[in-house]
N, C-alpha and C. Protein backbone atom coordinates (compact mmCIF):
# COMPACT_ATOMS: atom_id res chain seq x y z
N UNK A 1 90.58 111.84 104.75
CA UNK A 1 91.81 111.54 105.89
C UNK A 1 92.33 113.04 106.21
N UNK A 2 92.43 112.81 107.73
CA UNK A 2 92.89 114.04 108.57
C UNK A 2 94.40 113.76 109.13
N UNK A 3 95.28 114.67 108.77
CA UNK A 3 96.70 114.54 108.95
C UNK A 3 97.14 115.70 109.67
N UNK A 4 97.55 115.64 111.03
CA UNK A 4 98.29 116.73 111.62
C UNK A 4 99.75 116.59 112.07
N UNK A 5 100.45 117.73 111.74
CA UNK A 5 101.57 117.65 111.66
C UNK A 5 102.42 118.47 112.93
N UNK A 6 103.25 118.06 113.89
CA UNK A 6 103.69 119.22 115.12
C UNK A 6 105.04 119.35 114.52
N UNK A 7 105.05 120.93 114.58
CA UNK A 7 106.62 121.20 114.03
C UNK A 7 106.57 122.91 114.39
N UNK A 8 108.07 123.37 114.74
CA UNK A 8 108.19 124.40 115.27
C UNK A 8 108.37 125.45 114.30
N UNK A 9 108.51 125.20 113.17
CA UNK A 9 108.56 125.79 111.87
C UNK A 9 107.29 125.61 110.84
N UNK A 10 105.93 125.81 111.01
CA UNK A 10 105.03 125.85 110.57
C UNK A 10 104.99 126.34 109.09
N UNK A 11 105.61 127.52 108.84
CA UNK A 11 106.01 128.33 107.74
C UNK A 11 106.55 127.35 106.67
N UNK A 12 107.19 126.50 107.04
CA UNK A 12 108.28 125.48 106.01
C UNK A 12 107.39 124.85 105.07
N UNK A 13 105.87 124.70 105.63
CA UNK A 13 104.88 123.92 104.73
C UNK A 13 103.96 124.87 103.75
N UNK A 14 104.10 125.95 104.19
CA UNK A 14 103.15 126.77 102.95
C UNK A 14 103.50 126.48 101.38
N UNK A 15 104.67 126.70 101.09
CA UNK A 15 104.70 126.11 99.35
C UNK A 15 104.31 124.73 98.85
N UNK A 16 104.74 123.71 99.39
CA UNK A 16 104.65 122.50 99.33
C UNK A 16 103.00 122.38 99.63
N UNK A 17 102.33 122.65 100.37
CA UNK A 17 100.94 122.12 101.01
C UNK A 17 99.91 122.90 100.23
N UNK A 18 100.46 124.09 99.49
CA UNK A 18 99.32 124.97 98.84
C UNK A 18 99.69 124.84 97.50
N UNK A 19 100.52 123.81 96.94
CA UNK A 19 100.57 123.76 95.21
C UNK A 19 100.33 122.58 95.20
N UNK A 20 99.64 122.33 93.68
CA UNK A 20 99.81 120.94 92.85
C UNK A 20 98.74 120.07 93.15
N UNK A 21 98.95 118.91 93.63
CA UNK A 21 98.12 117.72 93.69
C UNK A 21 97.58 117.78 95.42
N UNK A 22 98.61 117.97 96.35
CA UNK A 22 98.19 118.26 97.55
C UNK A 22 97.33 119.34 97.63
N UNK A 23 97.46 120.66 97.25
CA UNK A 23 96.41 121.82 97.23
C UNK A 23 95.03 121.24 96.91
N UNK A 24 94.99 120.49 95.47
CA UNK A 24 93.79 120.09 95.13
C UNK A 24 92.95 119.30 96.04
N UNK A 25 93.59 118.21 96.49
CA UNK A 25 93.25 117.09 97.33
C UNK A 25 92.84 117.94 98.63
N UNK A 26 93.32 119.02 98.94
CA UNK A 26 92.98 119.86 100.26
C UNK A 26 91.19 120.48 99.78
N UNK A 27 91.44 121.06 98.51
CA UNK A 27 90.35 121.70 98.01
C UNK A 27 88.93 120.82 97.71
N UNK A 28 89.36 119.71 97.56
CA UNK A 28 88.37 118.58 96.98
C UNK A 28 87.87 117.59 98.26
N UNK A 29 88.34 118.17 99.28
CA UNK A 29 88.08 117.66 100.73
C UNK A 29 88.31 115.91 100.96
N UNK A 30 89.67 115.68 100.11
CA UNK A 30 90.05 114.47 99.97
C UNK A 30 91.04 114.36 101.70
N UNK A 31 91.47 115.21 101.97
CA UNK A 31 92.22 115.50 103.12
C UNK A 31 92.25 116.57 103.72
N UNK A 32 92.66 116.68 105.05
CA UNK A 32 92.46 117.73 105.64
C UNK A 32 94.20 117.95 106.56
N UNK A 33 94.85 118.85 106.07
CA UNK A 33 96.10 119.10 106.85
C UNK A 33 96.26 120.22 107.50
N UNK A 34 96.66 120.15 108.88
CA UNK A 34 96.69 121.00 109.88
C UNK A 34 98.25 120.93 110.43
N UNK A 35 98.70 122.14 110.49
CA UNK A 35 100.31 122.25 111.12
C UNK A 35 100.16 123.13 112.55
N UNK A 36 100.63 122.12 113.53
CA UNK A 36 100.72 122.38 114.93
C UNK A 36 102.15 122.92 115.43
N UNK A 37 102.14 124.35 116.15
CA UNK A 37 103.43 124.72 116.50
C UNK A 37 103.32 124.11 117.89
N UNK A 38 104.26 123.06 118.44
CA UNK A 38 104.12 122.45 119.66
C UNK A 38 104.68 123.66 120.34
N UNK A 39 105.14 124.82 120.48
CA UNK A 39 105.70 125.78 121.08
C UNK A 39 104.86 126.33 122.14
N UNK A 40 103.36 126.18 121.39
CA UNK A 40 102.26 126.99 121.84
C UNK A 40 101.76 126.04 123.34
N UNK A 41 102.39 124.93 123.32
CA UNK A 41 101.65 123.95 124.31
C UNK A 41 102.74 123.95 125.55
N UNK A 42 103.91 124.75 125.39
CA UNK A 42 104.73 124.65 126.53
C UNK A 42 104.15 125.58 127.55
N UNK A 43 104.52 125.20 128.61
CA UNK A 43 104.48 125.65 129.99
C UNK A 43 104.94 126.43 130.24
N UNK A 44 106.27 126.52 129.83
CA UNK A 44 107.24 127.40 130.33
C UNK A 44 107.01 128.90 130.13
N UNK A 45 107.23 129.72 131.15
CA UNK A 45 106.82 131.20 130.95
C UNK A 45 107.46 132.12 129.47
N UNK A 46 108.34 131.41 129.26
CA UNK A 46 108.88 131.78 127.93
C UNK A 46 108.82 131.01 126.54
N UNK A 47 108.07 130.04 127.01
CA UNK A 47 107.66 128.98 125.72
C UNK A 47 108.74 128.24 125.44
N UNK A 48 109.80 127.88 126.04
CA UNK A 48 110.76 126.80 126.16
C UNK A 48 110.44 125.62 125.80
N UNK A 49 111.09 125.03 124.61
CA UNK A 49 110.60 123.86 124.16
C UNK A 49 111.69 122.81 124.08
N UNK A 50 113.04 123.34 124.57
CA UNK A 50 114.02 122.22 124.69
C UNK A 50 114.82 122.60 125.65
N UNK A 51 116.14 121.89 126.05
CA UNK A 51 116.91 122.07 127.12
C UNK A 51 118.17 121.15 126.92
N UNK A 52 119.45 121.78 128.00
CA UNK A 52 120.47 120.83 127.68
C UNK A 52 120.21 119.32 128.10
N UNK A 53 121.03 118.42 127.31
CA UNK A 53 121.11 117.08 127.44
C UNK A 53 121.59 116.61 128.68
N UNK A 54 121.18 115.75 129.67
CA UNK A 54 121.73 115.15 130.92
C UNK A 54 122.92 114.51 130.32
N UNK A 55 123.98 114.52 131.32
CA UNK A 55 125.36 113.70 130.68
C UNK A 55 126.05 114.52 129.84
N UNK A 56 125.53 115.74 129.53
CA UNK A 56 126.55 117.13 129.02
C UNK A 56 126.16 116.20 127.28
N UNK A 57 126.92 117.26 126.66
CA UNK A 57 127.07 116.81 125.03
C UNK A 57 126.45 118.15 124.25
N UNK A 58 126.67 118.29 123.14
CA UNK A 58 126.36 119.26 122.18
C UNK A 58 124.59 119.49 121.80
N UNK A 59 124.39 120.81 121.66
CA UNK A 59 123.12 120.87 121.11
C UNK A 59 122.09 120.82 122.45
N UNK A 60 120.83 121.00 122.13
CA UNK A 60 119.53 121.09 122.67
C UNK A 60 118.80 120.05 122.31
N UNK A 61 118.14 119.53 123.56
CA UNK A 61 117.19 118.25 123.24
C UNK A 61 115.79 118.83 123.80
N UNK A 62 114.89 118.28 122.73
CA UNK A 62 113.42 118.74 122.60
C UNK A 62 112.82 118.00 123.84
N UNK A 63 112.00 119.12 124.67
CA UNK A 63 111.33 118.39 126.07
C UNK A 63 110.36 117.40 125.90
N UNK A 64 109.89 116.83 126.69
CA UNK A 64 108.72 115.99 126.45
C UNK A 64 107.62 116.44 126.66
N UNK A 65 107.31 117.57 127.51
CA UNK A 65 106.02 118.14 127.96
C UNK A 65 105.08 118.94 126.69
N UNK A 66 105.52 119.63 126.14
CA UNK A 66 104.94 120.18 124.93
C UNK A 66 104.77 119.24 123.69
N UNK A 67 105.31 118.31 123.59
CA UNK A 67 105.12 117.36 122.74
C UNK A 67 103.90 116.52 122.94
N UNK A 68 103.91 115.55 124.11
CA UNK A 68 103.17 115.25 124.93
C UNK A 68 101.78 115.69 124.91
N UNK A 69 101.85 117.02 125.37
CA UNK A 69 100.45 117.46 125.32
C UNK A 69 99.73 117.74 124.26
N UNK A 70 100.65 118.27 123.28
CA UNK A 70 100.18 118.43 121.87
C UNK A 70 99.57 117.12 121.22
N UNK A 71 100.22 116.24 121.14
CA UNK A 71 99.98 114.88 120.79
C UNK A 71 98.41 114.64 121.40
N UNK A 72 98.68 114.67 122.51
CA UNK A 72 97.20 113.77 123.36
C UNK A 72 96.18 114.94 122.86
N UNK A 73 96.21 116.11 122.63
CA UNK A 73 95.15 117.08 122.41
C UNK A 73 94.51 116.80 121.44
N UNK A 74 95.21 115.87 120.61
CA UNK A 74 94.78 115.66 118.93
C UNK A 74 94.81 114.10 118.49
N UNK A 75 95.05 113.48 119.58
CA UNK A 75 94.71 111.83 119.11
C UNK A 75 93.84 111.35 119.65
N UNK A 76 93.19 110.42 118.99
CA UNK A 76 91.85 109.63 119.18
C UNK A 76 92.14 108.16 119.01
N UNK A 77 91.15 107.51 119.16
CA UNK A 77 91.47 106.18 119.04
C UNK A 77 91.85 105.80 117.61
N UNK A 78 91.74 106.50 116.56
CA UNK A 78 91.89 106.09 114.91
C UNK A 78 93.24 106.56 114.79
N UNK A 79 93.90 107.67 115.52
CA UNK A 79 94.93 108.00 115.02
C UNK A 79 96.03 107.44 115.05
N UNK A 80 97.25 107.41 114.20
CA UNK A 80 98.35 106.60 114.24
C UNK A 80 99.63 107.78 114.29
N UNK A 81 100.29 107.77 115.09
CA UNK A 81 101.47 108.80 115.30
C UNK A 81 102.41 108.25 114.59
N UNK A 82 103.25 109.09 113.71
CA UNK A 82 104.46 108.93 113.24
C UNK A 82 105.54 109.68 113.66
N UNK A 83 106.72 109.33 114.18
CA UNK A 83 107.68 109.85 114.32
C UNK A 83 108.88 109.85 113.51
N UNK A 84 109.37 111.38 112.90
CA UNK A 84 110.13 111.22 111.94
C UNK A 84 111.75 111.37 112.53
N UNK A 85 112.43 110.21 112.66
CA UNK A 85 113.65 109.95 112.82
C UNK A 85 115.05 109.55 111.93
N UNK A 86 116.17 109.99 112.23
CA UNK A 86 116.94 108.94 111.41
C UNK A 86 117.13 107.68 111.46
N UNK A 87 116.79 107.12 112.85
CA UNK A 87 117.04 105.76 113.22
C UNK A 87 115.72 105.18 113.18
N UNK A 88 115.00 105.38 112.22
CA UNK A 88 113.57 104.88 112.17
C UNK A 88 113.25 103.76 111.23
N UNK A 89 112.69 103.33 110.70
CA UNK A 89 112.54 102.32 110.01
C UNK A 89 112.37 102.96 108.54
N UNK A 90 113.22 102.21 107.55
CA UNK A 90 113.65 103.00 106.36
C UNK A 90 112.33 103.12 105.58
N UNK A 91 111.78 104.00 105.21
CA UNK A 91 110.51 104.08 104.13
C UNK A 91 110.27 103.80 103.11
N UNK A 92 109.18 103.18 102.75
CA UNK A 92 108.73 102.50 101.44
C UNK A 92 107.83 102.73 100.72
N UNK A 93 107.46 102.34 99.63
CA UNK A 93 106.34 102.59 99.07
C UNK A 93 105.01 101.60 99.49
N UNK A 94 104.97 100.34 100.19
CA UNK A 94 104.45 99.51 101.17
C UNK A 94 103.60 100.62 101.94
N UNK A 95 104.54 101.34 102.82
CA UNK A 95 104.32 101.74 104.00
C UNK A 95 103.40 102.95 103.47
N UNK A 96 103.83 103.77 101.99
CA UNK A 96 102.68 104.57 102.05
C UNK A 96 101.70 104.52 101.49
N UNK A 97 101.03 103.02 101.28
CA UNK A 97 99.95 102.24 100.80
C UNK A 97 99.37 101.93 101.62
N UNK A 98 99.98 101.62 103.04
CA UNK A 98 99.39 101.27 104.32
C UNK A 98 98.58 102.60 105.26
N UNK A 99 99.21 103.80 105.30
CA UNK A 99 98.96 104.77 105.78
C UNK A 99 98.08 105.69 105.13
N UNK A 100 97.97 105.11 103.49
CA UNK A 100 97.24 105.87 102.92
C UNK A 100 95.55 105.39 103.40
N UNK A 101 95.58 104.29 104.27
CA UNK A 101 94.35 103.67 104.43
C UNK A 101 94.05 104.28 105.54
N UNK A 102 94.54 104.79 106.41
CA UNK A 102 94.22 105.42 107.67
C UNK A 102 93.29 106.55 107.69
N UNK A 103 92.82 106.74 108.69
CA UNK A 103 91.52 107.79 108.69
C UNK A 103 92.41 109.20 109.45
N UNK A 104 93.67 108.92 110.47
CA UNK A 104 94.31 110.18 111.15
C UNK A 104 95.51 109.74 111.12
N UNK A 105 96.49 110.72 110.84
CA UNK A 105 97.85 110.52 110.74
C UNK A 105 98.51 111.76 111.40
N UNK A 106 99.16 111.34 112.94
CA UNK A 106 100.06 112.76 113.33
C UNK A 106 101.40 112.26 113.11
N UNK A 107 102.10 113.34 112.79
CA UNK A 107 103.52 113.46 112.59
C UNK A 107 104.29 114.06 113.52
N UNK A 108 105.21 113.72 114.12
CA UNK A 108 105.92 114.42 114.98
C UNK A 108 107.51 115.07 114.33
N UNK A 109 107.68 116.23 114.24
CA UNK A 109 108.74 116.56 113.44
C UNK A 109 110.05 116.80 114.72
N UNK A 110 110.82 116.15 114.77
CA UNK A 110 112.08 116.67 115.68
C UNK A 110 113.08 118.17 114.93
N UNK A 111 113.81 118.47 115.85
CA UNK A 111 114.76 119.49 115.76
C UNK A 111 115.60 119.44 116.69
N UNK A 112 116.79 120.28 116.22
CA UNK A 112 118.08 120.82 116.99
C UNK A 112 118.57 119.51 117.34
N UNK A 113 119.02 119.24 118.34
CA UNK A 113 119.98 118.07 118.34
C UNK A 113 119.25 116.70 118.30
N UNK A 114 117.90 117.03 118.75
CA UNK A 114 117.03 115.66 118.73
C UNK A 114 116.10 116.02 120.21
N UNK A 115 115.45 114.56 120.34
CA UNK A 115 114.29 114.83 120.99
C UNK A 115 114.60 113.90 122.22
N UNK A 116 114.01 114.08 123.50
CA UNK A 116 113.97 113.34 124.69
C UNK A 116 113.61 111.99 124.32
N UNK A 117 114.46 111.09 124.57
CA UNK A 117 113.93 109.33 124.56
C UNK A 117 112.54 108.84 124.80
N UNK A 118 112.02 109.71 125.72
CA UNK A 118 110.65 109.46 126.44
C UNK A 118 109.77 109.48 125.00
N UNK A 119 109.80 110.62 124.19
CA UNK A 119 108.86 110.97 123.28
C UNK A 119 108.80 109.59 122.42
N UNK A 120 109.50 108.86 122.41
CA UNK A 120 109.27 107.56 121.19
C UNK A 120 108.09 107.05 122.05
N UNK A 121 108.05 106.96 123.10
CA UNK A 121 106.41 106.17 123.86
C UNK A 121 105.27 106.62 123.04
N UNK A 122 105.21 107.88 122.15
CA UNK A 122 103.99 108.54 122.12
C UNK A 122 103.78 107.72 120.50
N UNK A 123 104.86 107.06 119.65
CA UNK A 123 104.90 106.81 118.44
C UNK A 123 104.20 105.38 118.16
N UNK A 124 103.58 105.40 117.28
CA UNK A 124 103.14 104.01 116.72
C UNK A 124 103.97 103.33 115.41
N UNK A 125 104.44 104.79 115.19
CA UNK A 125 105.70 104.05 113.77
C UNK A 125 106.84 105.35 113.82
N UNK A 126 108.15 104.63 113.61
CA UNK A 126 109.44 105.26 113.69
C UNK A 126 109.90 105.38 112.36
N UNK A 127 110.00 106.73 111.58
CA UNK A 127 110.39 106.24 110.04
C UNK A 127 111.31 107.31 109.73
N UNK A 128 112.21 107.10 108.91
CA UNK A 128 113.62 107.39 108.38
C UNK A 128 112.98 107.36 106.51
N UNK A 129 113.67 108.41 105.92
CA UNK A 129 113.41 108.64 104.62
C UNK A 129 114.74 108.32 104.30
N UNK A 130 116.23 108.13 104.85
CA UNK A 130 117.40 107.98 104.66
C UNK A 130 118.33 107.87 105.47
N UNK A 131 119.63 107.19 104.88
CA UNK A 131 120.76 107.15 106.04
C UNK A 131 121.21 108.57 105.81
N UNK A 132 121.03 109.67 106.31
CA UNK A 132 121.25 111.10 106.58
C UNK A 132 120.48 111.41 107.57
N UNK A 133 121.48 112.99 107.98
CA UNK A 133 120.56 113.81 108.99
C UNK A 133 120.08 115.01 108.45
N UNK A 134 119.02 115.41 108.47
CA UNK A 134 118.46 116.64 108.10
C UNK A 134 118.44 117.60 109.52
N UNK A 135 118.21 118.80 109.19
CA UNK A 135 117.98 119.88 110.52
C UNK A 135 116.72 119.75 111.02
N UNK A 136 115.70 118.74 110.56
CA UNK A 136 114.64 118.66 111.24
C UNK A 136 113.70 117.78 110.70
N UNK A 137 112.59 117.22 111.32
CA UNK A 137 111.90 116.45 110.66
C UNK A 137 110.52 116.78 109.77
N UNK A 138 111.02 118.11 109.38
CA UNK A 138 109.80 119.10 108.53
C UNK A 138 110.01 118.41 107.14
N UNK A 139 110.95 118.57 106.63
CA UNK A 139 111.21 117.81 105.05
C UNK A 139 110.83 116.47 104.80
N UNK A 140 111.23 115.58 106.05
CA UNK A 140 110.91 114.35 105.96
C UNK A 140 109.00 113.98 105.73
N UNK A 141 108.55 115.12 106.88
CA UNK A 141 107.09 114.90 106.92
C UNK A 141 106.57 115.23 105.41
N UNK A 142 106.99 116.28 104.91
CA UNK A 142 106.58 116.86 103.64
C UNK A 142 106.64 115.51 102.50
N UNK A 143 107.67 114.66 102.53
CA UNK A 143 108.17 113.75 101.81
C UNK A 143 106.96 112.32 101.88
N UNK A 144 106.77 112.18 103.04
CA UNK A 144 105.62 111.30 103.70
C UNK A 144 104.21 111.86 103.30
N UNK A 145 103.98 112.72 103.40
CA UNK A 145 102.53 113.27 103.09
C UNK A 145 102.38 113.23 101.57
N UNK A 146 103.28 113.84 100.73
CA UNK A 146 103.32 113.77 99.42
C UNK A 146 102.97 112.46 98.62
N UNK A 147 103.82 111.25 99.43
CA UNK A 147 103.67 110.10 98.68
C UNK A 147 102.44 109.57 99.34
N UNK A 148 101.67 109.84 100.21
CA UNK A 148 100.55 109.57 100.88
C UNK A 148 99.27 109.91 100.42
N UNK A 149 99.04 111.20 100.04
CA UNK A 149 98.35 111.69 100.01
C UNK A 149 97.79 111.38 98.11
N UNK A 150 98.60 111.27 97.50
CA UNK A 150 98.55 111.06 95.87
C UNK A 150 97.94 109.76 95.90
N UNK A 151 97.94 108.81 97.00
CA UNK A 151 97.22 107.58 97.36
C UNK A 151 95.81 107.30 97.63
N UNK A 152 95.59 108.45 98.23
CA UNK A 152 94.46 108.59 98.77
C UNK A 152 93.33 108.31 97.37
N UNK A 153 92.58 107.19 97.59
CA UNK A 153 91.20 107.50 96.37
C UNK A 153 90.65 108.42 95.61
N UNK A 154 90.64 108.85 94.66
CA UNK A 154 90.20 109.93 94.05
C UNK A 154 90.85 111.26 93.81
N UNK A 155 92.20 111.04 94.41
CA UNK A 155 93.23 112.33 94.53
C UNK A 155 93.86 112.05 93.06
N UNK A 156 94.42 111.39 92.64
CA UNK A 156 94.93 111.27 91.18
C UNK A 156 94.31 109.86 90.57
N UNK A 157 94.42 109.73 89.54
CA UNK A 157 93.79 108.46 88.47
C UNK A 157 94.35 107.13 89.16
N UNK A 158 93.61 106.24 89.45
CA UNK A 158 94.06 104.90 90.03
C UNK A 158 95.06 104.29 89.39
N UNK A 159 95.10 104.15 87.69
CA UNK A 159 95.92 103.80 86.95
C UNK A 159 97.48 104.53 87.19
N UNK A 160 97.41 105.72 87.68
CA UNK A 160 98.44 106.30 87.47
C UNK A 160 99.54 105.69 88.65
N UNK A 161 99.08 105.47 89.60
CA UNK A 161 100.01 105.00 90.85
C UNK A 161 99.98 103.39 90.93
N UNK A 162 99.30 102.57 90.01
CA UNK A 162 99.03 101.33 89.82
C UNK A 162 100.41 100.76 89.29
N UNK A 163 100.94 101.85 88.57
CA UNK A 163 102.19 101.40 87.99
C UNK A 163 103.47 101.99 88.30
N UNK A 164 103.27 102.56 89.35
CA UNK A 164 104.29 103.41 90.09
C UNK A 164 105.30 102.38 90.16
N UNK A 165 106.56 103.02 90.26
CA UNK A 165 107.65 102.26 90.69
C UNK A 165 107.70 102.01 92.19
N UNK A 166 108.30 100.30 92.25
CA UNK A 166 108.08 99.96 93.64
C UNK A 166 106.60 99.46 93.86
N UNK A 167 105.63 99.57 92.94
CA UNK A 167 104.54 98.90 93.13
C UNK A 167 104.51 97.42 93.32
N UNK A 168 104.97 96.73 92.43
CA UNK A 168 105.22 95.31 92.44
C UNK A 168 106.91 94.89 92.97
N UNK A 169 107.45 95.82 93.65
CA UNK A 169 108.80 95.66 93.95
C UNK A 169 109.94 95.71 92.70
N UNK A 170 109.34 96.23 91.50
CA UNK A 170 109.97 96.60 90.50
C UNK A 170 109.95 98.32 90.36
N UNK A 171 110.85 98.50 89.49
CA UNK A 171 111.01 100.13 88.96
C UNK A 171 110.20 100.03 87.80
N UNK A 172 109.75 101.38 87.68
CA UNK A 172 108.66 101.90 86.78
C UNK A 172 109.48 101.32 85.38
N UNK A 173 108.79 101.31 83.85
CA UNK A 173 109.14 101.02 82.77
C UNK A 173 109.30 102.42 81.95
N UNK A 174 110.21 102.60 81.02
CA UNK A 174 110.58 103.72 80.51
C UNK A 174 109.44 104.21 79.57
N UNK A 175 109.02 105.67 79.81
CA UNK A 175 108.23 106.28 78.91
C UNK A 175 108.52 107.12 77.62
N UNK A 176 107.98 107.57 76.53
CA UNK A 176 108.30 108.41 75.68
C UNK A 176 106.91 109.08 75.21
N UNK A 177 107.14 109.98 74.38
CA UNK A 177 106.07 110.90 73.89
C UNK A 177 106.40 111.56 72.70
N UNK A 178 105.95 112.42 71.93
CA UNK A 178 106.40 112.99 70.50
C UNK A 178 107.36 114.06 70.62
N UNK A 179 108.17 114.02 70.00
CA UNK A 179 108.18 113.56 68.58
C UNK A 179 108.76 111.96 68.58
N UNK A 180 108.65 110.88 67.83
CA UNK A 180 109.07 109.82 67.89
C UNK A 180 110.75 109.80 67.50
N UNK A 181 111.39 110.52 67.00
CA UNK A 181 112.76 110.85 66.86
C UNK A 181 113.12 111.95 67.20
N UNK A 182 114.08 111.99 68.21
CA UNK A 182 114.40 113.48 68.46
C UNK A 182 115.94 113.33 68.72
N UNK A 183 116.52 114.24 67.98
CA UNK A 183 118.12 114.15 67.68
C UNK A 183 118.59 113.08 67.75
N UNK A 184 118.04 111.91 66.77
CA UNK A 184 118.64 110.37 66.56
C UNK A 184 118.30 109.69 67.59
N UNK A 185 117.84 110.11 68.48
CA UNK A 185 116.82 108.94 69.65
C UNK A 185 115.63 108.77 69.37
N UNK A 186 115.52 107.33 68.99
CA UNK A 186 114.38 106.87 68.49
C UNK A 186 113.24 105.86 69.78
N UNK A 187 111.89 106.51 69.21
CA UNK A 187 111.18 105.59 70.58
C UNK A 187 111.32 103.85 70.19
N UNK A 188 111.28 102.98 71.15
CA UNK A 188 111.28 101.83 70.70
C UNK A 188 110.25 101.46 69.58
N UNK A 189 110.27 100.64 68.72
CA UNK A 189 109.37 100.68 67.54
C UNK A 189 107.98 99.50 68.22
N UNK A 190 108.08 99.00 69.24
CA UNK A 190 107.34 98.41 69.61
C UNK A 190 106.07 99.02 70.20
N UNK A 191 106.42 100.28 70.85
CA UNK A 191 105.32 101.30 71.39
C UNK A 191 104.73 101.69 70.27
N UNK A 192 105.21 101.73 69.06
CA UNK A 192 104.48 102.13 67.86
C UNK A 192 103.57 101.63 66.86
N UNK A 193 103.68 100.22 67.64
CA UNK A 193 103.08 99.34 66.71
C UNK A 193 101.49 99.24 66.71
N UNK A 194 101.05 99.49 68.09
CA UNK A 194 99.47 99.41 68.28
C UNK A 194 99.13 98.35 68.78
N UNK A 195 100.20 97.09 68.84
CA UNK A 195 100.15 95.75 69.58
C UNK A 195 99.89 96.01 70.88
N UNK A 196 98.70 96.26 71.76
CA UNK A 196 99.09 96.16 73.12
C UNK A 196 99.40 95.12 73.98
N UNK A 197 98.96 93.89 73.33
CA UNK A 197 99.90 92.65 74.03
C UNK A 197 101.32 92.61 74.12
N UNK A 198 101.86 93.19 73.06
CA UNK A 198 103.29 93.34 72.72
C UNK A 198 103.94 94.01 73.57
N UNK A 199 103.16 95.61 73.62
CA UNK A 199 103.67 96.59 74.34
C UNK A 199 103.44 96.22 75.88
N UNK A 200 102.77 95.63 76.32
CA UNK A 200 102.50 95.44 77.95
C UNK A 200 103.90 94.00 78.03
N UNK A 201 104.10 93.07 77.26
CA UNK A 201 105.26 92.38 77.57
C UNK A 201 106.58 92.87 77.35
N UNK A 202 106.42 94.04 76.55
CA UNK A 202 107.79 94.86 76.31
C UNK A 202 108.15 95.56 77.70
N UNK A 203 107.37 96.18 78.20
CA UNK A 203 106.91 96.96 79.51
C UNK A 203 107.38 96.12 80.75
N UNK A 204 107.11 94.92 80.74
CA UNK A 204 107.20 93.81 81.78
C UNK A 204 108.52 93.73 81.91
N UNK A 205 109.05 93.39 80.35
CA UNK A 205 110.60 93.38 80.62
C UNK A 205 111.61 94.23 80.98
N UNK A 206 111.26 95.48 80.67
CA UNK A 206 112.00 96.54 80.61
C UNK A 206 111.77 96.91 82.28
N UNK A 207 110.81 96.62 82.90
CA UNK A 207 110.97 96.97 84.39
C UNK A 207 111.71 95.83 84.90
N UNK A 208 111.67 94.96 84.69
CA UNK A 208 112.54 93.67 85.27
C UNK A 208 114.06 94.05 85.11
N UNK A 209 114.50 94.40 84.00
CA UNK A 209 115.93 94.66 83.35
C UNK A 209 116.12 96.01 83.81
N UNK A 210 115.49 96.87 83.94
CA UNK A 210 115.50 98.18 84.46
C UNK A 210 115.99 98.06 86.01
N UNK A 211 115.14 96.86 86.35
CA UNK A 211 115.56 96.77 88.37
C UNK A 211 116.71 96.25 88.38
N UNK A 212 116.89 95.20 87.55
CA UNK A 212 118.38 94.46 87.84
C UNK A 212 119.34 95.21 87.65
N UNK A 213 119.26 96.06 86.65
CA UNK A 213 120.59 97.07 86.48
C UNK A 213 120.75 97.97 87.60
N UNK A 214 119.46 98.51 88.11
CA UNK A 214 119.83 99.71 88.66
C UNK A 214 119.45 99.40 90.36
N UNK A 215 118.43 98.64 90.17
CA UNK A 215 118.17 98.06 91.87
C UNK A 215 118.28 96.57 92.23
N UNK A 216 119.37 96.15 91.95
CA UNK A 216 119.59 94.80 91.95
C UNK A 216 118.84 93.91 93.36
N UNK A 217 118.93 95.00 94.50
CA UNK A 217 118.61 94.54 95.71
C UNK A 217 117.20 94.52 95.81
N UNK A 218 116.31 95.01 94.83
CA UNK A 218 114.94 94.71 94.92
C UNK A 218 114.69 93.31 94.72
N UNK A 219 115.66 92.76 93.67
CA UNK A 219 115.11 91.44 93.06
C UNK A 219 115.59 90.38 94.37
N UNK A 220 116.18 90.87 95.54
CA UNK A 220 116.43 89.67 96.49
C UNK A 220 115.12 89.17 97.21
């Protein structure tokens, strides 16, 4: 998979994309990630990428030209463009699985007061990671990339993500490790029984119960 990210602050991605699983996925050739500062595409002599909004109002708005030119320099017939915006479709695990099957993803990170409305015409998807506003789309794009890359075949063991929360519309079951008794808190006896059928039944029951208790909306 190839991932291109448009951002005015490429340095924000250094720690996240050069650590842990995402770093290893790049080193193993599972994914290629490049950050593009779309300021470099500005035709303004001062490389300006924003301007005041028509009709007045606070803040500065990202202009069309630099973002259009940057996307068009990267886009192919196999590309999918994702615009990170608070009014986009709420992100969920099914979307992560779908995106992980694409060959090329392009993320547009907004900043400042927002972006020119016409930039939406570039996007195949408009995505939000929650009902709140960030200073820009960089952190949101990191969230999507992390959730997508781990699902690319060979990045992690398949069994690890087959049992993820939200995989079947349910939260994950509780897990434990040694010792069996820590400060009086004991591991459920069934997990120590060695009976895999009962363990599987217990975990499925816990998935349902935990979802019912913590996220009943998922059961509707």
